[in-house]
Amino acid sequence: MATVTFAQPDGSERRLEVQVGTTLMHAAVSNGVKGIVGECGGQAMCATCHVYVRPEFLDELPEPAEDEDEMLDCTTAERTDRSRLGCQIQLGDGLDSIVVDIPEAQR
């Protein structure tokens, strides 16, 4: 199992244990996490699963692919150096726990 913690803008947190290989977006959507919409179903085409990865986890992630990088320019909330699409982050293989902050708004 892998663990993901979603931190809401109000400071509340929700910790989920999910199967290794699950994306952050699928974990959030299937568990009703507020603020993660996932309109495109994980195809990196809508940016409604935008999250801010906590700094201590950034080095565990590969660089964003070109399509993710382009979609991060279309987020409703400000893009930062911690911005990633939840649909592109898979839990497991060295990333068995992560904490992300959910932006104030998604489209």
Protein backbone atom coordinates (compact mmCIF):
# COMPACT_ATOMS: atom_id res chain seq x y z
CA MET A 1 0.00 0.00 0.00
CA ALA A 2 0.97 3.62 -0.54
CA THR A 3 -0.07 6.72 1.36
CA VAL A 4 -1.09 10.12 0.06
CA THR A 5 -2.06 13.09 2.20
CA PHE A 6 -4.16 15.84 0.66
CA ALA A 7 -3.92 19.17 2.51
CA GLN A 8 -6.83 21.53 1.96
CA PRO A 9 -6.48 25.33 1.78
CA ASP A 10 -8.22 25.56 5.20
CA GLY A 11 -5.44 23.49 6.81
CA SER A 12 -7.38 20.24 7.15
CA GLU A 13 -5.77 17.07 5.83
CA ARG A 14 -7.03 13.78 4.49
CA ARG A 15 -4.73 10.77 4.46
CA LEU A 16 -5.50 7.85 2.18
CA GLU A 17 -3.96 4.43 1.80
CA VAL A 18 -4.21 3.23 -1.79
CA GLN A 19 -2.81 0.47 -3.99
CA VAL A 20 0.70 0.97 -5.33
CA GLY A 21 0.43 2.27 -8.90
CA THR A 22 -2.58 4.48 -8.18
CA THR A 23 -2.32 8.07 -9.38
CA LEU A 24 -2.96 10.95 -7.01
CA MET A 25 -5.91 12.01 -9.15
CA HIS A 26 -7.56 8.58 -9.06
CA ALA A 27 -6.99 8.31 -5.30
CA ALA A 28 -8.65 11.71 -4.78
CA VAL A 29 -11.58 11.24 -7.14
CA SER A 30 -12.44 7.73 -5.97
CA ASN A 31 -12.38 8.88 -2.35
CA GLY A 32 -14.27 12.16 -2.80
CA VAL A 33 -11.40 14.50 -1.94
CA LYS A 34 -12.66 18.07 -2.27
CA GLY A 35 -10.81 20.19 -4.83
CA ILE A 36 -9.65 17.45 -7.19
CA VAL A 37 -12.02 17.17 -10.14
CA GLY A 38 -10.16 15.09 -12.74
CA GLU A 39 -12.51 16.03 -15.59
CA CYS A 40 -10.42 14.37 -18.31
CA GLY A 41 -10.04 11.12 -16.40
CA GLY A 42 -6.27 11.26 -16.18
CA GLN A 43 -5.23 12.20 -19.71
CA ALA A 44 -3.34 15.40 -18.74
CA MET A 45 -5.83 17.45 -20.75
CA CYS A 46 -7.73 19.56 -18.23
CA ALA A 47 -5.53 20.58 -15.26
CA THR A 48 -8.40 19.98 -12.79
CA CYS A 49 -6.15 17.75 -10.69
CA HIS A 50 -3.51 20.45 -10.14
CA VAL A 51 -1.69 20.04 -6.82
CA TYR A 52 1.29 21.62 -5.09
CA VAL A 53 3.77 18.90 -4.12
CA ARG A 54 5.44 19.54 -0.79
CA PRO A 55 9.13 20.43 -1.28
CA GLU A 56 10.47 17.35 0.50
CA PHE A 57 8.85 15.10 -2.14
CA LEU A 58 9.81 16.99 -5.31
CA ASP A 59 13.12 15.17 -5.81
CA GLU A 60 11.26 11.83 -5.80
CA LEU A 61 9.31 12.79 -8.94
CA PRO A 62 10.45 12.71 -12.55
CA GLU A 63 10.36 15.98 -14.46
CA PRO A 64 6.95 16.77 -15.99
CA ALA A 65 6.46 15.45 -19.51
CA GLU A 66 5.77 18.00 -22.26
CA ASP A 67 1.98 17.55 -22.14
CA GLU A 68 1.89 17.98 -18.37
CA ASP A 69 4.13 21.04 -18.58
CA GLU A 70 1.80 22.63 -21.15
CA MET A 71 -1.31 21.91 -19.08
CA LEU A 72 0.29 23.42 -15.99
CA ASP A 73 0.22 26.73 -17.86
CA CYS A 74 -3.61 26.41 -17.96
CA THR A 75 -4.34 25.96 -14.26
CA THR A 76 -6.87 28.16 -12.53
CA ALA A 77 -4.65 28.57 -9.48
CA GLU A 78 -1.18 30.05 -9.78
CA ARG A 79 1.48 27.76 -11.23
CA THR A 80 4.52 27.46 -8.98
CA ASP A 81 7.69 25.38 -8.95
CA ARG A 82 5.71 22.86 -6.85
CA SER A 83 2.84 22.54 -9.36
CA ARG A 84 2.09 19.12 -10.80
CA LEU A 85 -0.91 17.30 -12.24
CA GLY A 86 -2.14 14.61 -9.89
CA CYS A 87 -2.98 12.35 -12.83
CA GLN A 88 0.70 12.16 -13.70
CA ILE A 89 1.98 11.15 -10.26
CA GLN A 90 1.88 7.41 -9.59
CA LEU A 91 2.44 6.10 -6.09
CA GLY A 92 4.98 3.33 -5.50
CA ASP A 93 8.50 2.41 -6.52
CA GLY A 94 10.25 4.82 -4.19
CA LEU A 95 7.24 7.11 -3.81
CA ASP A 96 5.12 5.23 -1.31
CA SER A 97 4.04 8.35 0.57
CA ILE A 98 3.54 11.95 -0.46
CA VAL A 99 1.87 15.10 0.84
CA VAL A 100 0.30 17.58 -1.57
CA ASP A 101 -1.51 20.86 -1.12
CA ILE A 102 -4.74 21.42 -3.01
CA PRO A 103 -5.09 24.87 -4.61
CA GLU A 104 -7.90 27.21 -3.59
CA ALA A 105 -9.65 26.69 -6.94
CA GLN A 106 -9.81 24.23 -9.82
CA ARG A 107 -11.73 24.80 -13.03
